[in-house]
Amino acid sequence: MSILDQRCFHHPSREAVAQCPSCKRYYCRECVTEHAGRMICVECVHTLTSATHKAARAARARWGIFAMAGILIAWLAFYYLGLALARIPSKFHGVAS
């Protein structure tokens, strides 16, 4: 069956002009849009963009966790370095008490 014989998935009274490459359904001009160089239905565009937004949110969350871990590690390093320096006896510096 060719595209000439197909009808829009949402509007059965209209002829289909494109087949969505993701869901393989046929749609009229109002139901498809160009996304990444191809004609795709609105539902599939929404699915693709929501997946992209989820990945971006996950990347930001990972970055935030790594930043906080880095700050914690730096704080611990300087804290224990300060403790070690505080334990050095004053005789080591040549200061008489």
Protein backbone atom coordinates (compact mmCIF):
# COMPACT_ATOMS: atom_id res chain seq x y z
CA MET A 1 0.00 0.00 0.00
CA SER A 2 1.51 3.36 -1.01
CA ILE A 3 1.34 6.66 0.86
CA LEU A 4 -1.28 7.87 -1.64
CA ASP A 5 -3.75 5.37 -0.20
CA GLN A 6 -3.05 6.26 3.45
CA ARG A 7 -5.02 8.56 5.73
CA CYS A 8 -3.84 10.65 8.67
CA PHE A 9 -3.72 8.81 11.98
CA HIS A 10 -5.43 11.72 13.80
CA HIS A 11 -7.58 13.04 10.94
CA PRO A 12 -9.07 10.12 8.97
CA SER A 13 -10.69 12.47 6.45
CA ARG A 14 -7.32 13.88 5.33
CA GLU A 15 -4.71 12.34 3.07
CA ALA A 16 -1.41 11.41 4.63
CA VAL A 17 1.65 13.29 3.42
CA ALA A 18 4.35 11.67 5.54
CA GLN A 19 5.14 8.56 7.50
CA CYS A 20 6.80 9.08 10.86
CA PRO A 21 10.15 7.24 10.87
CA SER A 22 9.83 6.48 14.60
CA CYS A 23 6.30 5.15 15.05
CA LYS A 24 5.68 4.26 11.36
CA ARG A 25 2.22 5.90 11.35
CA TYR A 26 0.97 8.15 8.56
CA TYR A 27 0.11 11.82 9.17
CA CYS A 28 -1.25 14.90 7.38
CA ARG A 29 0.65 18.21 7.09
CA GLU A 30 -0.70 19.54 10.40
CA CYS A 31 0.41 16.52 12.41
CA VAL A 32 4.08 16.38 11.40
CA THR A 33 6.98 18.73 11.91
CA GLU A 34 10.60 18.84 10.86
CA HIS A 35 12.99 17.70 13.55
CA ALA A 36 16.68 16.96 13.02
CA GLY A 37 16.25 17.09 9.24
CA ARG A 38 13.32 14.68 8.97
CA MET A 39 9.55 14.83 9.14
CA ILE A 40 8.36 13.35 12.42
CA CYS A 41 5.06 13.33 14.33
CA VAL A 42 4.49 15.59 17.33
CA GLU A 43 4.24 12.69 19.79
CA CYS A 44 7.62 11.30 18.74
CA VAL A 45 9.21 14.78 18.90
CA HIS A 46 7.88 15.14 22.43
CA THR A 47 9.29 11.72 23.37
CA LEU A 48 12.70 12.56 21.87
CA THR A 49 12.94 15.98 23.49
CA SER A 50 11.79 14.75 26.90
CA ALA A 51 14.51 12.08 26.78
CA THR A 52 17.04 14.79 25.94
CA HIS A 53 15.85 16.95 28.85
CA LYS A 54 16.08 14.00 31.23
CA ALA A 55 19.65 13.33 30.11
CA ALA A 56 20.56 17.00 30.60
CA ARG A 57 19.04 17.02 34.10
CA ALA A 58 20.96 13.86 34.98
CA ALA A 59 24.20 15.43 33.73
CA ARG A 60 23.60 18.55 35.86
CA ALA A 61 22.85 16.40 38.90
CA ARG A 62 26.04 14.39 38.38
CA TRP A 63 28.04 17.61 38.03
CA GLY A 64 26.55 18.94 41.27
CA ILE A 65 27.34 15.73 43.14
CA PHE A 66 30.93 15.71 41.86
CA ALA A 67 31.35 19.39 42.78
CA MET A 68 30.12 18.78 46.33
CA ALA A 69 32.37 15.72 46.65
CA GLY A 70 35.34 17.80 45.48
CA ILE A 71 34.61 20.51 48.05
CA LEU A 72 34.28 17.89 50.79
CA ILE A 73 37.56 16.23 49.83
CA ALA A 74 39.38 19.58 49.75
CA TRP A 75 37.91 20.57 53.13
CA LEU A 76 38.99 17.24 54.68
CA ALA A 77 42.49 17.54 53.23
CA PHE A 78 43.00 21.06 54.62
CA TYR A 79 41.42 20.12 57.95
CA TYR A 80 43.78 17.19 58.52
CA LEU A 81 46.74 19.21 57.23
CA GLY A 82 45.89 21.88 59.82
CA LEU A 83 45.68 19.25 62.56
CA ALA A 84 49.05 17.85 61.53
CA LEU A 85 50.65 21.30 61.54
CA ALA A 86 49.11 22.12 64.93
CA ARG A 87 50.73 19.02 66.45
CA ILE A 88 54.25 20.11 65.51
CA PRO A 89 56.03 21.09 68.73
CA SER A 90 57.10 24.71 69.08
CA LYS A 91 60.76 23.61 69.58
CA PHE A 92 60.75 22.52 65.93
CA HIS A 93 60.40 26.16 64.85
CA GLY A 94 63.15 27.36 67.11
CA VAL A 95 60.82 29.34 69.33
CA ALA A 96 61.55 29.03 73.02
CA SER A 97 58.61 28.97 75.33
